[in-house]
Amino acid sequence: MGDLIKKTKVVPFLGDRGTTPNWTQIKKSTSFTLSYNPQTKTYDFISDEQPTEEIESYQPSLAQSLTMFKGEPDYQRIFDMAFDLPTGEDAHRPVLVVFYKEQGTTASTTVITYEKTEDETVDPNKTYYTKEGDVYTEVAEPSDLDIDSYYEKITTVVPGGTVYKAWKVDSLVKLNQMDTVNENIDFDLAFNEIERGAVEIGSGGTPTFIKGTFDDGTFTPDSE
């Protein structure tokens, strides 16, 4: 039997409207219902006895019920919107949905650097380079007399890091109600444009979204 996907493994983050969003994890919600809302169309082909229904698109939305704890960053983000009652573009926020059970690795990378040689005489089995500005040029005929100016190429393979499948979404924040008896604010995140990719988690749990694709557990960022 596989691992059960628990509620802590599918995590929403709400960002601000900056070019590089500052992400706030939605922690104090007591609801996480991701409705996919398939948009269908029915075709009544003359060759078929029964009409045929097909999915044309999806219009996902995420229902949230946020408990109002003063001092919690997620409450402050939503309360500020509930206070200002934004409309139009002002009601849009970036959203991340991170699927922590769906992880992979980035491909390993090769890093090439050059270091001054420590050799005192030319090693015939090595390749030496000279440096002019930021350009390194292979020495065709190395000489002991010039070895103090030679560099060696250092090739380092950096292993890939762990990433998690994620959506980055342009979301319309639809405020529904503030219920002071039950101490919550209910709102829906209506998903518009969904970018698929991965999230790296930095120090302090800060997520960084990278657009790209997964292939058999290996994540490849999109070329810019």
C-alpha atoms as a PDB file:
ATOM      1  CA  MET A   1       0.000   0.000   0.000  1.00  0.00           C
ATOM      2  CA  GLY A   2       1.271   3.473  -0.866  1.00  0.00           C
ATOM      3  CA  ASP A   3       1.636   6.485   1.410  1.00  0.00           C
ATOM      4  CA  LEU A   4      -1.541   8.299   2.364  1.00  0.00           C
ATOM      5  CA  ILE A   5      -1.474  11.926   1.235  1.00  0.00           C
ATOM      6  CA  LYS A   6      -2.163  13.938   4.367  1.00  0.00           C
ATOM      7  CA  LYS A   7      -3.428  17.506   4.537  1.00  0.00           C
ATOM      8  CA  THR A   8       0.026  18.877   5.416  1.00  0.00           C
ATOM      9  CA  LYS A   9       1.452  17.633   2.099  1.00  0.00           C
ATOM     10  CA  VAL A  10      -0.605  19.859  -0.224  1.00  0.00           C
ATOM     11  CA  VAL A  11       0.196  23.403   0.816  1.00  0.00           C
ATOM     12  CA  PRO A  12      -1.164  26.748  -0.444  1.00  0.00           C
ATOM     13  CA  PHE A  13       0.823  29.984  -0.381  1.00  0.00           C
ATOM     14  CA  LEU A  14      -0.573  33.459  -1.018  1.00  0.00           C
ATOM     15  CA  GLY A  15       1.682  36.108  -2.528  1.00  0.00           C
ATOM     16  CA  ASP A  16       1.626  39.841  -2.899  1.00  0.00           C
ATOM     17  CA  ARG A  17       1.352  41.623  -6.231  1.00  0.00           C
ATOM     18  CA  GLY A  18       5.047  42.357  -6.624  1.00  0.00           C
ATOM     19  CA  THR A  19       7.192  41.150  -9.503  1.00  0.00           C
ATOM     20  CA  THR A  20       8.830  38.649  -7.150  1.00  0.00           C
ATOM     21  CA  PRO A  21       6.057  37.672  -4.725  1.00  0.00           C
ATOM     22  CA  ASN A  22       6.673  37.387  -1.016  1.00  0.00           C
ATOM     23  CA  TRP A  23       4.939  34.122  -0.201  1.00  0.00           C
ATOM     24  CA  THR A  24       2.842  33.594   2.929  1.00  0.00           C
ATOM     25  CA  GLN A  25       1.742  30.054   3.718  1.00  0.00           C
ATOM     26  CA  ILE A  26      -1.956  29.744   4.454  1.00  0.00           C
ATOM     27  CA  LYS A  27      -1.746  27.856   7.736  1.00  0.00           C
ATOM     28  CA  LYS A  28      -4.827  28.607   9.811  1.00  0.00           C
ATOM     29  CA  SER A  29      -7.475  27.550   7.325  1.00  0.00           C
ATOM     30  CA  THR A  30      -9.736  24.685   8.351  1.00  0.00           C
ATOM     31  CA  SER A  31     -10.726  23.897   4.769  1.00  0.00           C
ATOM     32  CA  PHE A  32      -8.932  22.769   1.629  1.00  0.00           C
ATOM     33  CA  THR A  33     -11.332  21.812  -1.124  1.00  0.00           C
ATOM     34  CA  LEU A  34      -9.800  22.079  -4.577  1.00  0.00           C
ATOM     35  CA  SER A  35     -12.689  21.941  -7.036  1.00  0.00           C
ATOM     36  CA  TYR A  36     -11.551  21.265 -10.598  1.00  0.00           C
ATOM     37  CA  ASN A  37     -14.830  22.403 -12.191  1.00  0.00           C
ATOM     38  CA  PRO A  38     -14.510  20.730 -15.596  1.00  0.00           C
ATOM     39  CA  GLN A  39     -16.063  22.757 -18.407  1.00  0.00           C
ATOM     40  CA  THR A  40     -17.798  20.409 -20.823  1.00  0.00           C
ATOM     41  CA  LYS A  41     -19.517  20.547 -24.170  1.00  0.00           C
ATOM     42  CA  THR A  42     -22.007  18.043 -25.538  1.00  0.00           C
ATOM     43  CA  TYR A  43     -21.929  16.947 -29.186  1.00  0.00           C
ATOM     44  CA  ASP A  44     -24.940  15.254 -30.751  1.00  0.00           C
ATOM     45  CA  PHE A  45     -23.268  13.560 -33.704  1.00  0.00           C
ATOM     46  CA  ILE A  46     -25.616  12.273 -36.392  1.00  0.00           C
ATOM     47  CA  SER A  47     -23.757   8.936 -36.465  1.00  0.00           C
ATOM     48  CA  ASP A  48     -24.299   8.257 -32.746  1.00  0.00           C
ATOM     49  CA  GLU A  49     -27.470   7.321 -30.920  1.00  0.00           C
ATOM     50  CA  GLN A  50     -26.291   9.009 -27.700  1.00  0.00           C
ATOM     51  CA  PRO A  51     -24.872  12.534 -27.320  1.00  0.00           C
ATOM     52  CA  THR A  52     -21.137  12.692 -26.505  1.00  0.00           C
ATOM     53  CA  GLU A  53     -19.827  14.866 -23.698  1.00  0.00           C
ATOM     54  CA  GLU A  54     -16.235  16.154 -23.827  1.00  0.00           C
ATOM     55  CA  ILE A  55     -14.135  18.222 -21.437  1.00  0.00           C
ATOM     56  CA  GLU A  56     -12.973  21.461 -23.008  1.00  0.00           C
ATOM     57  CA  SER A  57     -11.194  23.028 -20.041  1.00  0.00           C
ATOM     58  CA  TYR A  58     -11.040  23.277 -16.269  1.00  0.00           C
ATOM     59  CA  GLN A  59     -11.811  26.213 -14.005  1.00  0.00           C
ATOM     60  CA  PRO A  60     -10.325  25.215 -10.641  1.00  0.00           C
ATOM     61  CA  SER A  61     -11.091  27.014  -7.412  1.00  0.00           C
ATOM     62  CA  LEU A  62      -9.842  26.503  -3.884  1.00  0.00           C
ATOM     63  CA  ALA A  63     -12.246  27.091  -0.988  1.00  0.00           C
ATOM     64  CA  GLN A  64     -10.697  28.360   2.241  1.00  0.00           C
ATOM     65  CA  SER A  65     -12.040  29.079   5.693  1.00  0.00           C
ATOM     66  CA  LEU A  66      -9.417  31.053   7.578  1.00  0.00           C
ATOM     67  CA  THR A  67      -9.549  31.198  11.361  1.00  0.00           C
ATOM     68  CA  MET A  68      -8.947  34.777  12.480  1.00  0.00           C
ATOM     69  CA  PHE A  69      -5.820  34.775  14.633  1.00  0.00           C
ATOM     70  CA  LYS A  70      -4.514  38.330  15.004  1.00  0.00           C
ATOM     71  CA  GLY A  71      -0.761  38.302  14.422  1.00  0.00           C
ATOM     72  CA  GLU A  72      -0.781  35.401  11.955  1.00  0.00           C
ATOM     73  CA  PRO A  73       0.589  36.502   8.555  1.00  0.00           C
ATOM     74  CA  ASP A  74      -2.107  34.680   6.575  1.00  0.00           C
ATOM     75  CA  TYR A  75      -4.870  36.422   8.526  1.00  0.00           C
ATOM     76  CA  GLN A  76      -3.283  39.820   7.955  1.00  0.00           C
ATOM     77  CA  ARG A  77      -3.038  39.240   4.183  1.00  0.00           C
ATOM     78  CA  ILE A  78      -6.724  38.323   3.929  1.00  0.00           C
ATOM     79  CA  PHE A  79      -7.968  40.909   6.431  1.00  0.00           C
ATOM     80  CA  ASP A  80      -6.247  43.696   4.501  1.00  0.00           C
ATOM     81  CA  MET A  81      -8.195  42.637   1.416  1.00  0.00           C
ATOM     82  CA  ALA A  82     -11.424  42.265   3.417  1.00  0.00           C
ATOM     83  CA  PHE A  83     -10.922  45.789   4.738  1.00  0.00           C
ATOM     84  CA  ASP A  84     -10.085  47.378   1.377  1.00  0.00           C
ATOM     85  CA  LEU A  85     -12.656  45.415  -0.689  1.00  0.00           C
ATOM     86  CA  PRO A  86     -10.517  45.372  -3.859  1.00  0.00           C
ATOM     87  CA  THR A  87     -12.015  44.951  -7.311  1.00  0.00           C
ATOM     88  CA  GLY A  88     -10.648  44.287 -10.792  1.00  0.00           C
ATOM     89  CA  GLU A  89      -6.899  43.683 -10.971  1.00  0.00           C
ATOM     90  CA  ASP A  90      -6.545  44.685  -7.320  1.00  0.00           C
ATOM     91  CA  ALA A  91      -8.452  41.536  -6.334  1.00  0.00           C
ATOM     92  CA  HIS A  92      -5.898  39.259  -8.029  1.00  0.00           C
ATOM     93  CA  ARG A  93      -3.064  37.609  -6.123  1.00  0.00           C
ATOM     94  CA  PRO A  94      -0.451  35.019  -7.081  1.00  0.00           C
ATOM     95  CA  VAL A  95      -0.970  31.644  -5.425  1.00  0.00           C
ATOM     96  CA  LEU A  96       1.330  28.656  -5.073  1.00  0.00           C
ATOM     97  CA  VAL A  97       0.034  25.142  -4.515  1.00  0.00           C
ATOM     98  CA  VAL A  98       2.893  22.823  -3.570  1.00  0.00           C
ATOM     99  CA  PHE A  99       2.469  19.050  -3.737  1.00  0.00           C
ATOM    100  CA  TYR A 100       5.088  17.874  -1.260  1.00  0.00           C
ATOM    101  CA  LYS A 101       4.542  14.174  -1.886  1.00  0.00           C
ATOM    102  CA  GLU A 102       5.289  14.647  -5.597  1.00  0.00           C
ATOM    103  CA  GLN A 103       9.001  15.302  -5.556  1.00  0.00           C
ATOM    104  CA  GLY A 104      11.875  14.977  -7.972  1.00  0.00           C
ATOM    105  CA  THR A 105      15.400  16.209  -8.514  1.00  0.00           C
ATOM    106  CA  THR A 106      16.969  18.794 -10.741  1.00  0.00           C
ATOM    107  CA  ALA A 107      19.469  17.498 -13.259  1.00  0.00           C
ATOM    108  CA  SER A 108      23.105  17.543 -12.202  1.00  0.00           C
ATOM    109  CA  THR A 109      25.182  20.392 -13.601  1.00  0.00           C
ATOM    110  CA  THR A 110      28.818  20.639 -14.597  1.00  0.00           C
ATOM    111  CA  VAL A 111      30.745  23.625 -13.282  1.00  0.00           C
ATOM    112  CA  ILE A 112      34.099  24.529 -14.830  1.00  0.00           C
ATOM    113  CA  THR A 113      36.592  26.721 -12.979  1.00  0.00           C
ATOM    114  CA  TYR A 114      40.273  27.467 -13.426  1.00  0.00           C
ATOM    115  CA  GLU A 115      42.915  27.504 -10.704  1.00  0.00           C
ATOM    116  CA  LYS A 116      46.576  28.456 -10.728  1.00  0.00           C
ATOM    117  CA  THR A 117      48.668  25.300 -11.117  1.00  0.00           C
ATOM    118  CA  GLU A 118      50.792  24.174  -8.179  1.00  0.00           C
ATOM    119  CA  ASP A 119      53.168  22.299 -10.456  1.00  0.00           C
ATOM    120  CA  GLU A 120      56.769  23.458 -10.511  1.00  0.00           C
ATOM    121  CA  THR A 121      57.572  21.627 -13.743  1.00  0.00           C
ATOM    122  CA  VAL A 122      55.371  20.751 -16.694  1.00  0.00           C
ATOM    123  CA  ASP A 123      53.421  17.503 -16.368  1.00  0.00           C
ATOM    124  CA  PRO A 124      53.131  16.036 -19.894  1.00  0.00           C
ATOM    125  CA  ASN A 125      49.802  14.406 -18.956  1.00  0.00           C
ATOM    126  CA  LYS A 126      48.135  17.713 -18.087  1.00  0.00           C
ATOM    127  CA  THR A 127      46.605  20.510 -20.123  1.00  0.00           C
ATOM    128  CA  TYR A 128      47.565  24.023 -19.066  1.00  0.00           C
ATOM    129  CA  TYR A 129      45.885  27.355 -19.782  1.00  0.00           C
ATOM    130  CA  THR A 130      46.875  30.992 -19.766  1.00  0.00           C
ATOM    131  CA  LYS A 131      44.543  33.771 -18.684  1.00  0.00           C
ATOM    132  CA  GLU A 132      43.947  37.074 -20.423  1.00  0.00           C
ATOM    133  CA  GLY A 133      41.133  39.057 -18.882  1.00  0.00           C
ATOM    134  CA  ASP A 134      38.360  36.505 -18.364  1.00  0.00           C
ATOM    135  CA  VAL A 135      39.497  34.274 -21.235  1.00  0.00           C
ATOM    136  CA  TYR A 136      41.469  31.062 -20.701  1.00  0.00           C
ATOM    137  CA  THR A 137      43.475  29.702 -23.635  1.00  0.00           C
ATOM    138  CA  GLU A 138      45.029  26.256 -23.897  1.00  0.00           C
ATOM    139  CA  VAL A 139      48.831  26.298 -24.005  1.00  0.00           C
ATOM    140  CA  ALA A 140      50.043  24.453 -27.092  1.00  0.00           C
ATOM    141  CA  GLU A 141      53.638  23.927 -25.907  1.00  0.00           C
ATOM    142  CA  PRO A 142      53.955  24.351 -22.120  1.00  0.00           C
ATOM    143  CA  SER A 143      57.301  25.459 -20.774  1.00  0.00           C
ATOM    144  CA  ASP A 144      58.837  25.158 -17.324  1.00  0.00           C
ATOM    145  CA  LEU A 145      59.933  28.773 -17.641  1.00  0.00           C
ATOM    146  CA  ASP A 146      56.323  30.021 -17.853  1.00  0.00           C
ATOM    147  CA  ILE A 147      54.641  27.533 -15.536  1.00  0.00           C
ATOM    148  CA  ASP A 148      54.055  30.173 -12.845  1.00  0.00           C
ATOM    149  CA  SER A 149      51.467  31.783 -15.177  1.00  0.00           C
ATOM    150  CA  TYR A 150      49.591  28.575 -16.020  1.00  0.00           C
ATOM    151  CA  TYR A 151      46.127  27.517 -14.893  1.00  0.00           C
ATOM    152  CA  GLU A 152      44.445  24.110 -14.715  1.00  0.00           C
ATOM    153  CA  LYS A 153      40.821  23.417 -15.578  1.00  0.00           C
ATOM    154  CA  ILE A 154      38.738  22.052 -12.694  1.00  0.00           C
ATOM    155  CA  THR A 155      35.520  20.232 -13.655  1.00  0.00           C
ATOM    156  CA  THR A 156      33.006  19.725 -10.848  1.00  0.00           C
ATOM    157  CA  VAL A 157      29.712  17.849 -11.157  1.00  0.00           C
ATOM    158  CA  VAL A 158      27.101  19.378  -8.863  1.00  0.00           C
ATOM    159  CA  PRO A 159      24.355  16.880  -7.999  1.00  0.00           C
ATOM    160  CA  GLY A 160      20.730  17.875  -8.470  1.00  0.00           C
ATOM    161  CA  GLY A 161      18.633  19.133  -5.593  1.00  0.00           C
ATOM    162  CA  THR A 162      15.192  18.126  -4.363  1.00  0.00           C
ATOM    163  CA  VAL A 163      12.188  19.934  -5.812  1.00  0.00           C
ATOM    164  CA  TYR A 164       8.427  19.501  -5.483  1.00  0.00           C
ATOM    165  CA  LYS A 165       5.711  19.677  -8.103  1.00  0.00           C
ATOM    166  CA  ALA A 166       3.824  22.944  -7.898  1.00  0.00           C
ATOM    167  CA  TRP A 167       1.342  25.235  -9.565  1.00  0.00           C
ATOM    168  CA  LYS A 168       1.834  28.976  -9.724  1.00  0.00           C
ATOM    169  CA  VAL A 169      -1.518  30.614 -10.338  1.00  0.00           C
ATOM    170  CA  ASP A 170      -2.969  33.991 -11.131  1.00  0.00           C
ATOM    171  CA  SER A 171      -5.848  33.834  -8.692  1.00  0.00           C
ATOM    172  CA  LEU A 172      -8.905  35.974  -8.158  1.00  0.00           C
ATOM    173  CA  VAL A 173      -9.517  36.239  -4.405  1.00  0.00           C
ATOM    174  CA  LYS A 174     -13.285  36.099  -3.915  1.00  0.00           C
ATOM    175  CA  LEU A 175     -14.160  37.173  -0.384  1.00  0.00           C
ATOM    176  CA  ASN A 176     -17.373  35.517   0.743  1.00  0.00           C
ATOM    177  CA  GLN A 177     -18.046  36.232   4.396  1.00  0.00           C
ATOM    178  CA  MET A 178     -16.548  37.111   7.781  1.00  0.00           C
ATOM    179  CA  ASP A 179     -18.198  35.015  10.490  1.00  0.00           C
ATOM    180  CA  THR A 180     -17.269  36.418  13.906  1.00  0.00           C
ATOM    181  CA  VAL A 181     -19.329  33.762  15.725  1.00  0.00           C
ATOM    182  CA  ASN A 182     -17.261  30.984  14.173  1.00  0.00           C
ATOM    183  CA  GLU A 183     -14.216  33.273  14.061  1.00  0.00           C
ATOM    184  CA  ASN A 184     -13.332  32.822  10.391  1.00  0.00           C
ATOM    185  CA  ILE A 185     -13.200  34.490   7.001  1.00  0.00           C
ATOM    186  CA  ASP A 186     -14.408  32.382   4.082  1.00  0.00           C
ATOM    187  CA  PHE A 187     -12.994  33.026   0.622  1.00  0.00           C
ATOM    188  CA  ASP A 188     -12.431  31.270  -2.668  1.00  0.00           C
ATOM    189  CA  LEU A 189      -9.289  31.356  -4.774  1.00  0.00           C
ATOM    190  CA  ALA A 190     -10.478  31.225  -8.370  1.00  0.00           C
ATOM    191  CA  PHE A 191      -7.623  29.926 -10.508  1.00  0.00           C
ATOM    192  CA  ASN A 192      -7.077  31.640 -13.839  1.00  0.00           C
ATOM    193  CA  GLU A 193      -3.703  31.048 -15.508  1.00  0.00           C
ATOM    194  CA  ILE A 194      -1.854  28.004 -14.126  1.00  0.00           C
ATOM    195  CA  GLU A 195       1.899  27.630 -14.616  1.00  0.00           C
ATOM    196  CA  ARG A 196       3.256  24.141 -13.970  1.00  0.00           C
ATOM    197  CA  GLY A 197       6.676  23.616 -12.515  1.00  0.00           C
ATOM    198  CA  ALA A 198       8.553  22.990  -9.307  1.00  0.00           C
ATOM    199  CA  VAL A 199       9.305  24.630  -6.005  1.00  0.00           C
ATOM    200  CA  GLU A 200      12.646  24.713  -4.226  1.00  0.00           C
ATOM    201  CA  ILE A 201      12.486  25.281  -0.493  1.00  0.00           C
ATOM    202  CA  GLY A 202      15.128  27.625   0.843  1.00  0.00           C
ATOM    203  CA  SER A 203      16.240  28.505   4.341  1.00  0.00           C
ATOM    204  CA  GLY A 204      13.365  29.250   6.646  1.00  0.00           C
ATOM    205  CA  GLY A 205      10.948  27.356   4.401  1.00  0.00           C
ATOM    206  CA  THR A 206      10.839  30.058   1.718  1.00  0.00           C
ATOM    207  CA  PRO A 207       9.535  28.639  -1.594  1.00  0.00           C
ATOM    208  CA  THR A 208      10.957  29.571  -4.995  1.00  0.00           C
ATOM    209  CA  PHE A 209       8.903  28.647  -8.052  1.00  0.00           C
ATOM    210  CA  ILE A 210      10.623  27.462 -11.238  1.00  0.00           C
ATOM    211  CA  LYS A 211       8.608  26.902 -14.394  1.00  0.00           C
ATOM    212  CA  GLY A 212       9.467  23.636 -16.124  1.00  0.00           C
ATOM    213  CA  THR A 213       8.616  19.987 -16.679  1.00  0.00           C
ATOM    214  CA  PHE A 214       9.119  16.641 -14.964  1.00  0.00           C
ATOM    215  CA  ASP A 215      10.270  13.509 -16.769  1.00  0.00           C
ATOM    216  CA  ASP A 216      10.521  10.312 -14.719  1.00  0.00           C
ATOM    217  CA  GLY A 217      11.375  12.231 -11.559  1.00  0.00           C
ATOM    218  CA  THR A 218      13.884  14.628 -13.150  1.00  0.00           C
ATOM    219  CA  PHE A 219      12.898  18.288 -13.312  1.00  0.00           C
ATOM    220  CA  THR A 220      14.066  20.451 -16.204  1.00  0.00           C
ATOM    221  CA  PRO A 221      13.497  24.221 -16.007  1.00  0.00           C
ATOM    222  CA  ASP A 222      12.124  25.935 -19.078  1.00  0.00           C
ATOM    223  CA  SER A 223      14.732  27.746 -21.108  1.00  0.00           C
ATOM    224  CA  GLU A 224      14.353  31.514 -20.912  1.00  0.00           C
END
